[in-house]
Amino acid sequence: MRTAKAVNLGVLFLIELGALAAVGYWGFTRAVATPLTWLLGLGAPAVLVVLWALFGSQKASYKTRGAVRVGFETVCFGAGVAALFAAGATAWAVAFAAVVAVSKALAVIWRQ
């Protein structure tokens, strides 16, 4: 059981990175002028990083707990899923959403 919990912690970290990659991918796949593409591709993940640093990380300035934490994570990881859908990567969006749902459910059950 200890190994499964450790693996889930790794998966939780990877889904955080996956959400960043997804919104970056979305930004770089927009059919807009090149400077705006770069702004979206780098700016969208930067916004998520700042939000995560302020509210989601272990050393966050404003810790979230309970229902607020669930809502915050839903918005952050949901942004990754929505970005993949918007970029046309529907299968990846569904797979990412499934991994997030299973991993977060296990995290709640195991109090991670």
C-alpha atoms as a PDB file:
ATOM      1  CA  MET A   1       0.000   0.000   0.000  1.00  0.00           C
ATOM      2  CA  ARG A   2       2.891   2.358   0.748  1.00  0.00           C
ATOM      3  CA  THR A   3       4.128   1.981  -2.827  1.00  0.00           C
ATOM      4  CA  ALA A   4       0.700   2.755  -4.295  1.00  0.00           C
ATOM      5  CA  LYS A   5       0.469   5.913  -2.192  1.00  0.00           C
ATOM      6  CA  ALA A   6       3.935   7.009  -3.299  1.00  0.00           C
ATOM      7  CA  VAL A   7       3.044   6.383  -6.930  1.00  0.00           C
ATOM      8  CA  ASN A   8      -0.123   8.442  -6.514  1.00  0.00           C
ATOM      9  CA  LEU A   9       1.891  11.354  -5.100  1.00  0.00           C
ATOM     10  CA  GLY A  10       4.036  11.183  -8.220  1.00  0.00           C
ATOM     11  CA  VAL A  11       0.944  11.131 -10.413  1.00  0.00           C
ATOM     12  CA  LEU A  12      -0.451  14.148  -8.555  1.00  0.00           C
ATOM     13  CA  PHE A  13       2.737  16.059  -9.348  1.00  0.00           C
ATOM     14  CA  LEU A  14       2.596  14.963 -12.981  1.00  0.00           C
ATOM     15  CA  ILE A  15      -0.989  16.161 -13.371  1.00  0.00           C
ATOM     16  CA  GLU A  16       0.077  19.575 -12.073  1.00  0.00           C
ATOM     17  CA  LEU A  17       2.720  19.656 -14.792  1.00  0.00           C
ATOM     18  CA  GLY A  18       0.202  18.259 -17.283  1.00  0.00           C
ATOM     19  CA  ALA A  19      -2.187  21.140 -16.659  1.00  0.00           C
ATOM     20  CA  LEU A  20       0.635  23.607 -17.334  1.00  0.00           C
ATOM     21  CA  ALA A  21       1.615  21.792 -20.517  1.00  0.00           C
ATOM     22  CA  ALA A  22      -2.005  21.655 -21.671  1.00  0.00           C
ATOM     23  CA  VAL A  23      -2.639  25.387 -21.335  1.00  0.00           C
ATOM     24  CA  GLY A  24       0.705  26.107 -22.987  1.00  0.00           C
ATOM     25  CA  TYR A  25      -0.196  23.795 -25.853  1.00  0.00           C
ATOM     26  CA  TRP A  26      -3.516  25.571 -26.212  1.00  0.00           C
ATOM     27  CA  GLY A  27      -1.799  28.951 -26.361  1.00  0.00           C
ATOM     28  CA  PHE A  28       0.712  27.886 -28.988  1.00  0.00           C
ATOM     29  CA  THR A  29      -1.958  26.299 -31.200  1.00  0.00           C
ATOM     30  CA  ARG A  30      -4.116  29.425 -31.512  1.00  0.00           C
ATOM     31  CA  ALA A  31      -4.457  30.805 -35.032  1.00  0.00           C
ATOM     32  CA  VAL A  32      -3.435  34.347 -34.141  1.00  0.00           C
ATOM     33  CA  ALA A  33      -0.452  36.580 -34.847  1.00  0.00           C
ATOM     34  CA  THR A  34       2.864  35.105 -33.740  1.00  0.00           C
ATOM     35  CA  PRO A  35       3.519  37.547 -30.856  1.00  0.00           C
ATOM     36  CA  LEU A  36       0.083  36.794 -29.439  1.00  0.00           C
ATOM     37  CA  THR A  37       0.698  33.057 -29.825  1.00  0.00           C
ATOM     38  CA  TRP A  38       3.853  33.394 -27.742  1.00  0.00           C
ATOM     39  CA  LEU A  39       2.029  35.502 -25.181  1.00  0.00           C
ATOM     40  CA  LEU A  40      -0.751  32.929 -24.833  1.00  0.00           C
ATOM     41  CA  GLY A  41       1.605  29.942 -24.938  1.00  0.00           C
ATOM     42  CA  LEU A  42       3.808  31.293 -22.175  1.00  0.00           C
ATOM     43  CA  GLY A  43       1.349  33.526 -20.344  1.00  0.00           C
ATOM     44  CA  ALA A  44      -1.390  30.977 -19.690  1.00  0.00           C
ATOM     45  CA  PRO A  45       0.946  28.555 -17.869  1.00  0.00           C
ATOM     46  CA  ALA A  46       2.484  31.497 -16.005  1.00  0.00           C
ATOM     47  CA  VAL A  47      -0.955  32.447 -14.677  1.00  0.00           C
ATOM     48  CA  LEU A  48      -1.509  28.876 -13.453  1.00  0.00           C
ATOM     49  CA  VAL A  49       1.939  28.827 -11.821  1.00  0.00           C
ATOM     50  CA  VAL A  50       1.218  32.048  -9.934  1.00  0.00           C
ATOM     51  CA  LEU A  51      -2.194  30.811  -8.813  1.00  0.00           C
ATOM     52  CA  TRP A  52      -0.724  27.489  -7.699  1.00  0.00           C
ATOM     53  CA  ALA A  53       2.074  29.232  -5.800  1.00  0.00           C
ATOM     54  CA  LEU A  54      -0.403  31.480  -4.015  1.00  0.00           C
ATOM     55  CA  PHE A  55      -3.140  28.968  -3.248  1.00  0.00           C
ATOM     56  CA  GLY A  56      -2.201  25.379  -4.092  1.00  0.00           C
ATOM     57  CA  SER A  57       1.365  24.562  -3.144  1.00  0.00           C
ATOM     58  CA  GLN A  58       2.586  23.194   0.177  1.00  0.00           C
ATOM     59  CA  LYS A  59       4.168  26.580   0.978  1.00  0.00           C
ATOM     60  CA  ALA A  60       1.314  28.684  -0.382  1.00  0.00           C
ATOM     61  CA  SER A  61       0.824  32.157   1.022  1.00  0.00           C
ATOM     62  CA  TYR A  62      -2.931  31.580   1.199  1.00  0.00           C
ATOM     63  CA  LYS A  63      -3.593  27.922   1.983  1.00  0.00           C
ATOM     64  CA  THR A  64      -6.865  26.477   0.796  1.00  0.00           C
ATOM     65  CA  ARG A  65      -8.661  23.667   2.591  1.00  0.00           C
ATOM     66  CA  GLY A  66     -11.829  21.637   2.271  1.00  0.00           C
ATOM     67  CA  ALA A  67     -14.378  22.656  -0.326  1.00  0.00           C
ATOM     68  CA  VAL A  68     -12.357  25.728  -1.337  1.00  0.00           C
ATOM     69  CA  ARG A  69      -9.388  23.478  -2.110  1.00  0.00           C
ATOM     70  CA  VAL A  70     -11.560  21.129  -4.158  1.00  0.00           C
ATOM     71  CA  GLY A  71     -12.941  24.086  -6.111  1.00  0.00           C
ATOM     72  CA  PHE A  72      -9.485  25.559  -6.672  1.00  0.00           C
ATOM     73  CA  GLU A  73      -8.066  22.279  -7.953  1.00  0.00           C
ATOM     74  CA  THR A  74     -11.133  21.751 -10.125  1.00  0.00           C
ATOM     75  CA  VAL A  75     -10.502  25.125 -11.753  1.00  0.00           C
ATOM     76  CA  CYS A  76      -6.761  24.500 -12.228  1.00  0.00           C
ATOM     77  CA  PHE A  77      -7.003  20.965 -13.570  1.00  0.00           C
ATOM     78  CA  GLY A  78     -10.229  21.764 -15.384  1.00  0.00           C
ATOM     79  CA  ALA A  79      -8.342  24.524 -17.196  1.00  0.00           C
ATOM     80  CA  GLY A  80      -5.959  21.859 -18.475  1.00  0.00           C
ATOM     81  CA  VAL A  81      -8.812  19.667 -19.651  1.00  0.00           C
ATOM     82  CA  ALA A  82     -10.633  22.617 -21.254  1.00  0.00           C
ATOM     83  CA  ALA A  83      -7.427  23.768 -22.951  1.00  0.00           C
ATOM     84  CA  LEU A  84      -6.904  20.358 -24.509  1.00  0.00           C
ATOM     85  CA  PHE A  85     -10.509  20.299 -25.742  1.00  0.00           C
ATOM     86  CA  ALA A  86     -10.138  23.825 -27.152  1.00  0.00           C
ATOM     87  CA  ALA A  87      -6.919  22.839 -28.919  1.00  0.00           C
ATOM     88  CA  GLY A  88      -8.708  19.926 -30.577  1.00  0.00           C
ATOM     89  CA  ALA A  89      -7.008  17.184 -28.559  1.00  0.00           C
ATOM     90  CA  THR A  90     -10.245  15.581 -27.404  1.00  0.00           C
ATOM     91  CA  ALA A  91      -8.819  12.131 -26.654  1.00  0.00           C
ATOM     92  CA  TRP A  92      -6.006  13.656 -24.599  1.00  0.00           C
ATOM     93  CA  ALA A  93      -8.516  15.823 -22.736  1.00  0.00           C
ATOM     94  CA  VAL A  94     -10.659  12.818 -21.826  1.00  0.00           C
ATOM     95  CA  ALA A  95      -7.598  10.810 -20.758  1.00  0.00           C
ATOM     96  CA  PHE A  96      -6.244  13.694 -18.683  1.00  0.00           C
ATOM     97  CA  ALA A  97      -9.628  14.209 -17.008  1.00  0.00           C
ATOM     98  CA  ALA A  98      -9.820  10.495 -16.148  1.00  0.00           C
ATOM     99  CA  VAL A  99      -6.329  10.440 -14.655  1.00  0.00           C
ATOM    100  CA  VAL A 100      -7.066  13.567 -12.620  1.00  0.00           C
ATOM    101  CA  ALA A 101     -10.350  12.148 -11.328  1.00  0.00           C
ATOM    102  CA  VAL A 102      -8.871   8.801 -10.288  1.00  0.00           C
ATOM    103  CA  SER A 103      -5.731  10.265  -8.740  1.00  0.00           C
ATOM    104  CA  LYS A 104      -7.583  12.979  -6.819  1.00  0.00           C
ATOM    105  CA  ALA A 105     -10.157  10.433  -5.595  1.00  0.00           C
ATOM    106  CA  LEU A 106      -7.343   8.224  -4.292  1.00  0.00           C
ATOM    107  CA  ALA A 107      -5.698  11.258  -2.699  1.00  0.00           C
ATOM    108  CA  VAL A 108      -8.895  12.028  -0.815  1.00  0.00           C
ATOM    109  CA  ILE A 109      -9.349   8.423   0.281  1.00  0.00           C
ATOM    110  CA  TRP A 110      -5.698   8.163   1.391  1.00  0.00           C
ATOM    111  CA  ARG A 111      -5.649  11.712   2.833  1.00  0.00           C
ATOM    112  CA  GLN A 112      -2.719  12.824   0.746  1.00  0.00           C
END
